[in-house]
Amino acid sequence: MSARTVCRPRVASPAVPSLAGLWDGLRRAWVAHRTRRQLRELDDHLLRDLGLSRADVAREVSRAPWDLDPVQRGRGTA
């Protein structure tokens, strides 16, 4: 008599994010919103030190809080 191993198919995890993942996403969006607002308040001298123009700042500030992908400067939006 041979032993048979029964393999159960793996059940895919649901596409619903976990509560911790959702909280982390909200926190990251809030930080992005807050830092973009602070960037808008910098004067031209500080922006020049950072190598940013007012157009760069306007483009960054106009992004949605949940848009967290880095923008490739000089190549349009990523």
PDB file of N, CA and C in Angstrom:
ATOM      1  N   MET A   1       0.835  -1.167   0.000  1.00  0.00           N
ATOM      2  CA  MET A   1       0.000   0.000   0.000  1.00  0.00           C
ATOM      3  C   MET A   1       0.886   1.238   0.000  1.00  0.00           C
ATOM      4  N   SER A   2       0.613   2.148  -0.886  1.00  0.00           N
ATOM      5  CA  SER A   2       1.428   3.360  -0.953  1.00  0.00           C
ATOM      6  C   SER A   2       0.700   4.510  -0.270  1.00  0.00           C
ATOM      7  N   ALA A   3       1.494   5.352   0.316  1.00  0.00           N
ATOM      8  CA  ALA A   3       0.919   6.521   0.997  1.00  0.00           C
ATOM      9  C   ALA A   3       0.735   7.639  -0.016  1.00  0.00           C
ATOM     10  N   ARG A   4      -0.410   8.252   0.027  1.00  0.00           N
ATOM     11  CA  ARG A   4      -0.684   9.381  -0.861  1.00  0.00           C
ATOM     12  C   ARG A   4      -0.713  10.658  -0.050  1.00  0.00           C
ATOM     13  N   THR A   5      -0.065  11.660  -0.590  1.00  0.00           N
ATOM     14  CA  THR A   5      -0.082  12.961   0.066  1.00  0.00           C
ATOM     15  C   THR A   5      -1.106  13.834  -0.636  1.00  0.00           C
ATOM     16  N   VAL A   6      -1.968  14.381   0.153  1.00  0.00           N
ATOM     17  CA  VAL A   6      -2.988  15.266  -0.394  1.00  0.00           C
ATOM     18  C   VAL A   6      -2.496  16.695  -0.253  1.00  0.00           C
ATOM     19  N   CYS A   7      -2.368  17.376  -1.363  1.00  0.00           N
ATOM     20  CA  CYS A   7      -1.942  18.789  -1.357  1.00  0.00           C
ATOM     21  C   CYS A   7      -3.164  19.663  -1.570  1.00  0.00           C
ATOM     22  N   ARG A   8      -3.352  20.547  -0.638  1.00  0.00           N
ATOM     23  CA  ARG A   8      -4.458  21.492  -0.776  1.00  0.00           C
ATOM     24  C   ARG A   8      -3.969  22.694  -1.568  1.00  0.00           C
ATOM     25  N   PRO A   9      -4.794  23.182  -2.454  1.00  0.00           N
ATOM     26  CA  PRO A   9      -4.376  24.379  -3.208  1.00  0.00           C
ATOM     27  C   PRO A   9      -4.273  25.573  -2.270  1.00  0.00           C
ATOM     28  N   ARG A  10      -3.279  26.405  -2.531  1.00  0.00           N
ATOM     29  CA  ARG A  10      -3.127  27.606  -1.715  1.00  0.00           C
ATOM     30  C   ARG A  10      -4.209  28.604  -2.076  1.00  0.00           C
ATOM     31  N   VAL A  11      -4.745  29.205  -1.069  1.00  0.00           N
ATOM     32  CA  VAL A  11      -5.763  30.227  -1.271  1.00  0.00           C
ATOM     33  C   VAL A  11      -5.051  31.569  -1.348  1.00  0.00           C
ATOM     34  N   ALA A  12      -5.322  32.297  -2.388  1.00  0.00           N
ATOM     35  CA  ALA A  12      -4.693  33.608  -2.557  1.00  0.00           C
ATOM     36  C   ALA A  12      -5.178  34.552  -1.473  1.00  0.00           C
ATOM     37  N   SER A  13      -4.269  35.389  -1.015  1.00  0.00           N
ATOM     38  CA  SER A  13      -4.668  36.362  -0.009  1.00  0.00           C
ATOM     39  C   SER A  13      -5.588  37.391  -0.656  1.00  0.00           C
ATOM     40  N   PRO A  14      -6.514  37.930   0.107  1.00  0.00           N
ATOM     41  CA  PRO A  14      -7.461  38.893  -0.468  1.00  0.00           C
ATOM     42  C   PRO A  14      -6.753  40.172  -0.901  1.00  0.00           C
ATOM     43  N   ALA A  15      -7.345  40.857  -1.851  1.00  0.00           N
ATOM     44  CA  ALA A  15      -6.771  42.100  -2.359  1.00  0.00           C
ATOM     45  C   ALA A  15      -7.038  43.283  -1.437  1.00  0.00           C
ATOM     46  N   VAL A  16      -7.737  43.048  -0.355  1.00  0.00           N
ATOM     47  CA  VAL A  16      -8.052  44.107   0.593  1.00  0.00           C
ATOM     48  C   VAL A  16      -6.818  44.368   1.457  1.00  0.00           C
ATOM     49  N   PRO A  17      -6.379  45.628   1.552  1.00  0.00           N
ATOM     50  CA  PRO A  17      -5.186  45.906   2.356  1.00  0.00           C
ATOM     51  C   PRO A  17      -5.459  45.699   3.841  1.00  0.00           C
ATOM     52  N   SER A  18      -4.414  45.384   4.556  1.00  0.00           N
ATOM     53  CA  SER A  18      -4.563  45.212   5.995  1.00  0.00           C
ATOM     54  C   SER A  18      -4.766  46.583   6.640  1.00  0.00           C
ATOM     55  N   LEU A  19      -5.240  46.564   7.855  1.00  0.00           N
ATOM     56  CA  LEU A  19      -5.461  47.814   8.583  1.00  0.00           C
ATOM     57  C   LEU A  19      -4.136  48.536   8.790  1.00  0.00           C
ATOM     58  N   ALA A  20      -3.075  47.793   9.080  1.00  0.00           N
ATOM     59  CA  ALA A  20      -1.759  48.417   9.271  1.00  0.00           C
ATOM     60  C   ALA A  20      -1.275  49.047   7.968  1.00  0.00           C
ATOM     61  N   GLY A  21      -1.494  48.363   6.845  1.00  0.00           N
ATOM     62  CA  GLY A  21      -1.084  48.918   5.556  1.00  0.00           C
ATOM     63  C   GLY A  21      -1.879  50.155   5.196  1.00  0.00           C
ATOM     64  N   LEU A  22      -3.162  50.140   5.510  1.00  0.00           N
ATOM     65  CA  LEU A  22      -4.002  51.299   5.247  1.00  0.00           C
ATOM     66  C   LEU A  22      -3.559  52.482   6.099  1.00  0.00           C
ATOM     67  N   TRP A  23      -3.288  52.230   7.371  1.00  0.00           N
ATOM     68  CA  TRP A  23      -2.836  53.283   8.273  1.00  0.00           C
ATOM     69  C   TRP A  23      -1.508  53.860   7.790  1.00  0.00           C
ATOM     70  N   ASP A  24      -0.581  53.000   7.349  1.00  0.00           N
ATOM     71  CA  ASP A  24       0.711  53.458   6.859  1.00  0.00           C
ATOM     72  C   ASP A  24       0.541  54.335   5.612  1.00  0.00           C
ATOM     73  N   GLY A  25      -0.349  53.947   4.724  1.00  0.00           N
ATOM     74  CA  GLY A  25      -0.609  54.745   3.532  1.00  0.00           C
ATOM     75  C   GLY A  25      -1.171  56.116   3.864  1.00  0.00           C
ATOM     76  N   LEU A  26      -2.096  56.154   4.818  1.00  0.00           N
ATOM     77  CA  LEU A  26      -2.665  57.442   5.239  1.00  0.00           C
ATOM     78  C   LEU A  26      -1.605  58.326   5.885  1.00  0.00           C
ATOM     79  N   ARG A  27      -0.750  57.721   6.695  1.00  0.00           N
ATOM     80  CA  ARG A  27       0.306  58.474   7.360  1.00  0.00           C
ATOM     81  C   ARG A  27       1.279  59.051   6.329  1.00  0.00           C
ATOM     82  N   ARG A  28       1.666  58.256   5.345  1.00  0.00           N
ATOM     83  CA  ARG A  28       2.586  58.719   4.309  1.00  0.00           C
ATOM     84  C   ARG A  28       1.957  59.836   3.477  1.00  0.00           C
ATOM     85  N   ALA A  29       0.658  59.733   3.189  1.00  0.00           N
ATOM     86  CA  ALA A  29      -0.032  60.786   2.430  1.00  0.00           C
ATOM     87  C   ALA A  29      -0.072  62.086   3.235  1.00  0.00           C
ATOM     88  N   TRP A  30      -0.297  61.982   4.544  1.00  0.00           N
ATOM     89  CA  TRP A  30      -0.338  63.180   5.391  1.00  0.00           C
ATOM     90  C   TRP A  30       1.039  63.843   5.448  1.00  0.00           C
ATOM     91  N   VAL A  31       2.091  63.041   5.576  1.00  0.00           N
ATOM     92  CA  VAL A  31       3.448  63.591   5.604  1.00  0.00           C
ATOM     93  C   VAL A  31       3.758  64.281   4.277  1.00  0.00           C
ATOM     94  N   ALA A  32       3.372  63.674   3.164  1.00  0.00           N
ATOM     95  CA  ALA A  32       3.598  64.286   1.850  1.00  0.00           C
ATOM     96  C   ALA A  32       2.864  65.621   1.749  1.00  0.00           C
ATOM     97  N   HIS A  33       1.624  65.663   2.203  1.00  0.00           N
ATOM     98  CA  HIS A  33       0.838  66.901   2.172  1.00  0.00           C
ATOM     99  C   HIS A  33       1.518  67.982   3.002  1.00  0.00           C
ATOM    100  N   ARG A  34       1.932  67.621   4.209  1.00  0.00           N
ATOM    101  CA  ARG A  34       2.542  68.589   5.117  1.00  0.00           C
ATOM    102  C   ARG A  34       3.878  69.106   4.574  1.00  0.00           C
ATOM    103  N   THR A  35       4.725  68.222   4.067  1.00  0.00           N
ATOM    104  CA  THR A  35       6.030  68.673   3.574  1.00  0.00           C
ATOM    105  C   THR A  35       5.902  69.470   2.278  1.00  0.00           C
ATOM    106  N   ARG A  36       4.929  69.147   1.449  1.00  0.00           N
ATOM    107  CA  ARG A  36       4.708  69.945   0.237  1.00  0.00           C
ATOM    108  C   ARG A  36       4.229  71.346   0.594  1.00  0.00           C
ATOM    109  N   ARG A  37       3.404  71.441   1.624  1.00  0.00           N
ATOM    110  CA  ARG A  37       2.949  72.757   2.089  1.00  0.00           C
ATOM    111  C   ARG A  37       4.133  73.565   2.629  1.00  0.00           C
ATOM    112  N   GLN A  38       5.028  72.913   3.361  1.00  0.00           N
ATOM    113  CA  GLN A  38       6.216  73.594   3.884  1.00  0.00           C
ATOM    114  C   GLN A  38       7.141  74.025   2.749  1.00  0.00           C
ATOM    115  N   LEU A  39       7.257  73.211   1.731  1.00  0.00           N
ATOM    116  CA  LEU A  39       8.082  73.553   0.571  1.00  0.00           C
ATOM    117  C   LEU A  39       7.558  74.810  -0.102  1.00  0.00           C
ATOM    118  N   ARG A  40       6.238  74.933  -0.188  1.00  0.00           N
ATOM    119  CA  ARG A  40       5.621  76.108  -0.817  1.00  0.00           C
ATOM    120  C   ARG A  40       5.969  77.395  -0.067  1.00  0.00           C
ATOM    121  N   GLU A  41       6.213  77.295   1.238  1.00  0.00           N
ATOM    122  CA  GLU A  41       6.470  78.476   2.059  1.00  0.00           C
ATOM    123  C   GLU A  41       7.937  78.919   2.059  1.00  0.00           C
ATOM    124  N   LEU A  42       8.836  78.142   1.445  1.00  0.00           N
ATOM    125  CA  LEU A  42      10.246  78.526   1.414  1.00  0.00           C
ATOM    126  C   LEU A  42      10.448  79.732   0.497  1.00  0.00           C
ATOM    127  N   ASP A  43      11.416  80.588   0.877  1.00  0.00           N
ATOM    128  CA  ASP A  43      11.697  81.746   0.026  1.00  0.00           C
ATOM    129  C   ASP A  43      12.627  81.340  -1.122  1.00  0.00           C
ATOM    130  N   ASP A  44      12.783  82.256  -2.072  1.00  0.00           N
ATOM    131  CA  ASP A  44      13.558  81.970  -3.284  1.00  0.00           C
ATOM    132  C   ASP A  44      15.011  81.625  -2.987  1.00  0.00           C
ATOM    133  N   HIS A  45      15.582  82.247  -1.963  1.00  0.00           N
ATOM    134  CA  HIS A  45      16.976  81.969  -1.606  1.00  0.00           C
ATOM    135  C   HIS A  45      17.140  80.496  -1.187  1.00  0.00           C
ATOM    136  N   LEU A  46      16.252  80.012  -0.354  1.00  0.00           N
ATOM    137  CA  LEU A  46      16.338  78.619   0.090  1.00  0.00           C
ATOM    138  C   LEU A  46      16.043  77.648  -1.056  1.00  0.00           C
ATOM    139  N   LEU A  47      15.115  78.007  -1.919  1.00  0.00           N
ATOM    140  CA  LEU A  47      14.833  77.148  -3.072  1.00  0.00           C
ATOM    141  C   LEU A  47      16.045  77.058  -3.993  1.00  0.00           C
ATOM    142  N   ARG A  48      16.732  78.182  -4.174  1.00  0.00           N
ATOM    143  CA  ARG A  48      17.943  78.180  -4.991  1.00  0.00           C
ATOM    144  C   ARG A  48      19.009  77.273  -4.372  1.00  0.00           C
ATOM    145  N   ASP A  49      19.125  77.284  -3.042  1.00  0.00           N
ATOM    146  CA  ASP A  49      20.063  76.395  -2.352  1.00  0.00           C
ATOM    147  C   ASP A  49      19.722  74.927  -2.596  1.00  0.00           C
ATOM    148  N   LEU A  50      18.448  74.621  -2.732  1.00  0.00           N
ATOM    149  CA  LEU A  50      18.003  73.252  -2.976  1.00  0.00           C
ATOM    150  C   LEU A  50      18.032  72.883  -4.457  1.00  0.00           C
ATOM    151  N   GLY A  51      18.265  73.885  -5.299  1.00  0.00           N
ATOM    152  CA  GLY A  51      18.278  73.634  -6.743  1.00  0.00           C
ATOM    153  C   GLY A  51      16.888  73.515  -7.333  1.00  0.00           C
ATOM    154  N   LEU A  52      15.926  74.178  -6.707  1.00  0.00           N
ATOM    155  CA  LEU A  52      14.534  74.124  -7.171  1.00  0.00           C
ATOM    156  C   LEU A  52      14.084  75.487  -7.664  1.00  0.00           C
ATOM    157  N   SER A  53      13.209  75.479  -8.640  1.00  0.00           N
ATOM    158  CA  SER A  53      12.601  76.719  -9.121  1.00  0.00           C
ATOM    159  C   SER A  53      11.174  76.801  -8.584  1.00  0.00           C
ATOM    160  N   ARG A  54      10.566  77.965  -8.751  1.00  0.00           N
ATOM    161  CA  ARG A  54       9.163  78.112  -8.348  1.00  0.00           C
ATOM    162  C   ARG A  54       8.271  77.169  -9.166  1.00  0.00           C
ATOM    163  N   ALA A  55       8.641  76.914 -10.418  1.00  0.00           N
ATOM    164  CA  ALA A  55       7.865  75.989 -11.251  1.00  0.00           C
ATOM    165  C   ALA A  55       7.955  74.563 -10.689  1.00  0.00           C
ATOM    166  N   ASP A  56       9.150  74.167 -10.226  1.00  0.00           N
ATOM    167  CA  ASP A  56       9.301  72.846  -9.605  1.00  0.00           C
ATOM    168  C   ASP A  56       8.404  72.732  -8.375  1.00  0.00           C
ATOM    169  N   VAL A  57       8.403  73.788  -7.572  1.00  0.00           N
ATOM    170  CA  VAL A  57       7.595  73.795  -6.345  1.00  0.00           C
ATOM    171  C   VAL A  57       6.113  73.746  -6.690  1.00  0.00           C
ATOM    172  N   ALA A  58       5.689  74.534  -7.665  1.00  0.00           N
ATOM    173  CA  ALA A  58       4.274  74.541  -8.061  1.00  0.00           C
ATOM    174  C   ALA A  58       3.839  73.162  -8.547  1.00  0.00           C
ATOM    175  N   ARG A  59       4.700  72.504  -9.308  1.00  0.00           N
ATOM    176  CA  ARG A  59       4.377  71.160  -9.814  1.00  0.00           C
ATOM    177  C   ARG A  59       4.266  70.162  -8.649  1.00  0.00           C
ATOM    178  N   GLU A  60       5.188  70.248  -7.694  1.00  0.00           N
ATOM    179  CA  GLU A  60       5.177  69.331  -6.551  1.00  0.00           C
ATOM    180  C   GLU A  60       3.966  69.573  -5.655  1.00  0.00           C
ATOM    181  N   VAL A  61       3.664  70.839  -5.389  1.00  0.00           N
ATOM    182  CA  VAL A  61       2.549  71.181  -4.496  1.00  0.00           C
ATOM    183  C   VAL A  61       1.207  70.806  -5.109  1.00  0.00           C
ATOM    184  N   SER A  62       1.115  70.817  -6.438  1.00  0.00           N
ATOM    185  CA  SER A  62      -0.167  70.511  -7.091  1.00  0.00           C
ATOM    186  C   SER A  62      -0.476  69.006  -7.115  1.00  0.00           C
ATOM    187  N   ARG A  63       0.483  68.174  -6.746  1.00  0.00           N
ATOM    188  CA  ARG A  63       0.265  66.737  -6.752  1.00  0.00           C
ATOM    189  C   ARG A  63      -0.696  66.331  -5.632  1.00  0.00           C
ATOM    190  N   ALA A  64      -1.404  65.259  -5.849  1.00  0.00           N
ATOM    191  CA  ALA A  64      -2.327  64.737  -4.832  1.00  0.00           C
ATOM    192  C   ALA A  64      -1.532  64.155  -3.667  1.00  0.00           C
ATOM    193  N   PRO A  65      -2.062  64.216  -2.454  1.00  0.00           N
ATOM    194  CA  PRO A  65      -1.329  63.696  -1.296  1.00  0.00           C
ATOM    195  C   PRO A  65      -0.959  62.220  -1.421  1.00  0.00           C
ATOM    196  N   TRP A  66      -1.755  61.448  -2.114  1.00  0.00           N
ATOM    197  CA  TRP A  66      -1.475  60.018  -2.231  1.00  0.00           C
ATOM    198  C   TRP A  66      -0.514  59.715  -3.384  1.00  0.00           C
ATOM    199  N   ASP A  67      -0.144  60.739  -4.151  1.00  0.00           N
ATOM    200  CA  ASP A  67       0.827  60.562  -5.230  1.00  0.00           C
ATOM    201  C   ASP A  67       2.223  60.634  -4.606  1.00  0.00           C
ATOM    202  N   LEU A  68       2.797  59.483  -4.292  1.00  0.00           N
ATOM    203  CA  LEU A  68       4.045  59.437  -3.535  1.00  0.00           C
ATOM    204  C   LEU A  68       5.249  59.033  -4.380  1.00  0.00           C
ATOM    205  N   ASP A  69       5.045  58.732  -5.654  1.00  0.00           N
ATOM    206  CA  ASP A  69       6.172  58.357  -6.497  1.00  0.00           C
ATOM    207  C   ASP A  69       7.068  59.558  -6.722  1.00  0.00           C
ATOM    208  N   PRO A  70       8.377  59.357  -6.661  1.00  0.00           N
ATOM    209  CA  PRO A  70       9.281  60.489  -6.898  1.00  0.00           C
ATOM    210  C   PRO A  70       9.177  60.995  -8.331  1.00  0.00           C
ATOM    211  N   VAL A  71       9.308  62.286  -8.486  1.00  0.00           N
ATOM    212  CA  VAL A  71       9.268  62.905  -9.801  1.00  0.00           C
ATOM    213  C   VAL A  71      10.700  63.007 -10.318  1.00  0.00           C
ATOM    214  N   GLN A  72      10.907  62.588 -11.556  1.00  0.00           N
ATOM    215  CA  GLN A  72      12.224  62.700 -12.182  1.00  0.00           C
ATOM    216  C   GLN A  72      12.344  64.108 -12.741  1.00  0.00           C
ATOM    217  N   ARG A  73      13.094  64.955 -12.054  1.00  0.00           N
ATOM    218  CA  ARG A  73      13.253  66.352 -12.485  1.00  0.00           C
ATOM    219  C   ARG A  73      13.942  66.408 -13.837  1.00  0.00           C
ATOM    220  N   GLY A  74      13.457  67.298 -14.673  1.00  0.00           N
ATOM    221  CA  GLY A  74      14.038  67.479 -15.984  1.00  0.00           C
ATOM    222  C   GLY A  74      13.493  66.494 -17.014  1.00  0.00           C
ATOM    223  N   ARG A  75      12.675  65.559 -16.594  1.00  0.00           N
ATOM    224  CA  ARG A  75      12.120  64.565 -17.517  1.00  0.00           C
ATOM    225  C   ARG A  75      10.599  64.518 -17.441  1.00  0.00           C
ATOM    226  N   GLY A  76      10.002  65.565 -16.928  1.00  0.00           N
ATOM    227  CA  GLY A  76       8.543  65.564 -16.777  1.00  0.00           C
ATOM    228  C   GLY A  76       8.154  64.792 -15.543  1.00  0.00           C
ATOM    229  N   THR A  77       6.900  64.449 -15.438  1.00  0.00           N
ATOM    230  CA  THR A  77       6.447  63.694 -14.275  1.00  0.00           C
ATOM    231  C   THR A  77       6.682  62.221 -14.494  1.00  0.00           C
ATOM    232  N   ALA A  78       6.973  61.520 -13.418  1.00  0.00           N
ATOM    233  CA  ALA A  78       7.237  60.074 -13.521  1.00  0.00           C
ATOM    234  C   ALA A  78       5.968  59.284 -13.473  1.00  0.00           C
TER     235      ALA A  78
END
